[in-house]
Amino acid sequence: MPLGGNARLYSTHRLAPGDRPENTAYNFDTPTGFACHEGKSMETRIARLEEFATDAKERLARIEARQAELADKVGALQVEMHKGFADMIKWVVGTAIVLGGTALTVITFVLNNATPKPSPTTPPAVVVYTQPAPAQEYPKSRRPD
């Protein structure tokens, strides 16, 4: 920020007499070769610098106060972002678990019903063949005549 608005940056080397650009800070009419700020005295320049220093201190105080406010806001924003990230992670993990369970259920259903199951075979009915009873002879005492 230039001091007082008309301050110039001074070069460290001198220009040749024919090489004087229009915005040079040199004034070859002075003993030192530098411009004297349009003929203002040293006291005037010092007063302006002191005024600038006072203004700069006030501005710095305002900037530091604003910085403290912004630091508080940034801290609150960080807390809110961390909470949001934690909530998002919970939702992502929960959704992944639900989708995994759903996929497992679908795969189990498809694999169990992909091929038709053979009907359970009933064992053949037990067939009992009754053998004809051998002819018995009646005992002689009970023989009908």
Protein backbone atom coordinates (compact mmCIF):
# COMPACT_ATOMS: atom_id res chain seq x y z
CA MET A 1 0.00 0.00 0.00
CA PRO A 2 1.63 3.26 -1.01
CA LEU A 3 2.24 5.84 1.67
CA GLY A 4 -0.07 8.80 1.22
CA GLY A 5 -1.13 7.68 -2.25
CA ASN A 6 1.68 9.45 -4.16
CA ALA A 7 4.69 7.54 -2.84
CA ARG A 8 7.11 6.26 -5.45
CA LEU A 9 9.45 3.31 -5.38
CA TYR A 10 13.01 4.50 -5.73
CA SER A 11 15.57 2.78 -7.91
CA THR A 12 18.99 1.95 -6.54
CA HIS A 13 20.83 3.00 -9.68
CA ARG A 14 21.05 6.32 -11.47
CA LEU A 15 19.91 6.77 -15.03
CA ALA A 16 21.93 8.37 -17.73
CA PRO A 17 20.82 11.93 -18.49
CA GLY A 18 19.18 10.90 -21.77
CA ASP A 19 17.41 7.88 -20.24
CA ARG A 20 14.95 9.59 -17.93
CA PRO A 21 11.57 7.86 -18.01
CA GLU A 22 8.53 9.94 -17.18
CA ASN A 23 7.78 8.13 -13.89
CA THR A 24 11.28 8.30 -12.46
CA ALA A 25 11.69 9.20 -8.83
CA TYR A 26 14.92 11.04 -9.54
CA ASN A 27 15.10 14.77 -9.43
CA PHE A 28 18.50 15.81 -10.64
CA ASP A 29 17.94 19.33 -9.40
CA THR A 30 18.35 18.20 -5.76
CA PRO A 31 21.74 17.47 -4.19
CA THR A 32 20.91 13.83 -3.48
CA GLY A 33 19.27 13.17 -6.82
CA PHE A 34 15.97 12.08 -5.28
CA ALA A 35 12.61 13.82 -5.42
CA CYS A 36 11.65 15.92 -2.41
CA HIS A 37 7.93 15.09 -2.53
CA GLU A 38 6.85 18.21 -4.32
CA GLY A 39 8.78 20.54 -2.04
CA LYS A 40 7.17 19.42 1.24
CA SER A 41 9.24 19.73 4.35
CA MET A 42 10.49 16.82 6.41
CA GLU A 43 8.11 17.70 9.27
CA THR A 44 5.12 17.50 6.95
CA ARG A 45 6.29 14.12 5.68
CA ILE A 46 6.79 12.82 9.22
CA ALA A 47 3.35 14.07 10.25
CA ARG A 48 1.81 12.24 7.30
CA LEU A 49 3.73 9.06 8.20
CA GLU A 50 2.55 9.29 11.82
CA GLU A 51 -1.01 9.77 10.62
CA PHE A 52 -0.61 6.76 8.38
CA ALA A 53 0.82 4.70 11.25
CA THR A 54 -2.17 5.60 13.46
CA ASP A 55 -4.57 4.70 10.68
CA ALA A 56 -2.70 1.45 10.04
CA LYS A 57 -2.92 0.51 13.74
CA GLU A 58 -6.67 1.12 13.75
CA ARG A 59 -7.13 -0.93 10.60
CA LEU A 60 -4.96 -3.71 12.04
CA ALA A 61 -7.10 -3.77 15.20
CA ARG A 62 -10.26 -4.06 13.08
CA ILE A 63 -8.67 -6.83 10.99
CA GLU A 64 -7.64 -8.75 14.11
CA ALA A 65 -11.15 -8.42 15.57
CA ARG A 66 -12.63 -9.66 12.31
CA GLN A 67 -10.12 -12.49 12.27
CA ALA A 68 -11.24 -13.57 15.76
CA GLU A 69 -14.89 -13.54 14.63
CA LEU A 70 -14.01 -15.57 11.55
CA ALA A 71 -12.02 -18.04 13.65
CA ASP A 72 -15.10 -18.62 15.82
CA LYS A 73 -17.27 -19.09 12.75
CA VAL A 74 -14.75 -21.48 11.18
CA GLY A 75 -14.63 -23.48 14.42
CA ALA A 76 -18.42 -23.77 14.47
CA LEU A 77 -18.40 -24.76 10.80
CA GLN A 78 -15.79 -27.45 11.48
CA VAL A 79 -17.91 -28.91 14.28
CA GLU A 80 -20.96 -28.91 12.04
CA MET A 81 -19.03 -30.53 9.19
CA HIS A 82 -17.65 -33.28 11.45
CA LYS A 83 -21.17 -34.01 12.69
CA GLY A 84 -22.44 -34.10 9.12
CA PHE A 85 -19.64 -36.45 8.05
CA ALA A 86 -20.37 -38.77 10.99
CA ASP A 87 -24.07 -38.84 10.09
CA MET A 88 -23.22 -39.51 6.46
CA ILE A 89 -20.91 -42.39 7.40
CA LYS A 90 -23.65 -43.90 9.57
CA TRP A 91 -26.11 -43.75 6.69
CA VAL A 92 -23.64 -45.23 4.21
CA VAL A 93 -22.75 -48.12 6.53
CA GLY A 94 -26.41 -48.76 7.36
CA THR A 95 -27.39 -48.70 3.70
CA ALA A 96 -24.53 -51.08 2.83
CA ILE A 97 -25.68 -53.53 5.52
CA VAL A 98 -29.30 -53.42 4.32
CA LEU A 99 -28.28 -53.88 0.68
CA GLY A 100 -26.00 -56.77 1.62
CA GLY A 101 -28.80 -58.49 3.53
CA THR A 102 -31.22 -57.94 0.67
CA ALA A 103 -28.73 -59.32 -1.85
CA LEU A 104 -28.11 -62.39 0.32
CA THR A 105 -31.85 -62.99 0.61
CA VAL A 106 -32.40 -62.68 -3.14
CA ILE A 107 -29.46 -64.95 -3.96
CA THR A 108 -30.67 -67.56 -1.47
CA PHE A 109 -34.18 -67.46 -2.94
CA VAL A 110 -32.91 -67.71 -6.52
CA LEU A 111 -30.56 -70.58 -5.78
CA ASN A 112 -33.20 -72.51 -3.87
CA ASN A 113 -35.79 -72.11 -6.61
CA ALA A 114 -33.62 -72.17 -9.72
CA THR A 115 -34.19 -75.84 -10.48
CA PRO A 116 -37.44 -77.59 -9.83
CA LYS A 117 -37.22 -79.87 -6.89
CA PRO A 118 -38.08 -83.48 -7.47
CA SER A 119 -41.24 -84.46 -5.72
CA PRO A 120 -40.47 -86.55 -2.71
CA THR A 121 -40.77 -90.17 -3.68
CA THR A 122 -43.05 -92.12 -1.46
CA PRO A 123 -41.72 -95.51 -0.65
CA PRO A 124 -43.65 -98.22 -2.31
CA ALA A 125 -46.52 -99.49 -0.29
CA VAL A 126 -45.77 -102.64 1.58
CA VAL A 127 -47.75 -105.39 0.00
CA VAL A 128 -48.38 -108.34 2.17
CA TYR A 129 -49.29 -111.41 0.25
CA THR A 130 -51.19 -113.80 2.31
CA GLN A 131 -50.25 -117.32 1.57
CA PRO A 132 -53.06 -119.77 1.39
CA ALA A 133 -53.09 -121.82 4.44
CA PRO A 134 -51.97 -125.34 3.85
CA ALA A 135 -54.70 -127.77 3.94
CA GLN A 136 -54.88 -129.28 7.28
CA GLU A 137 -56.14 -132.60 7.99
CA TYR A 138 -58.62 -132.80 10.56
CA PRO A 139 -57.81 -135.00 13.39
CA LYS A 140 -59.76 -138.23 13.24
CA SER A 141 -61.60 -137.49 16.27
CA ARG A 142 -63.18 -134.43 14.84
CA ARG A 143 -63.83 -135.62 11.42
CA PRO A 144 -67.25 -135.26 10.18
CA ASP A 145 -68.67 -138.31 8.76
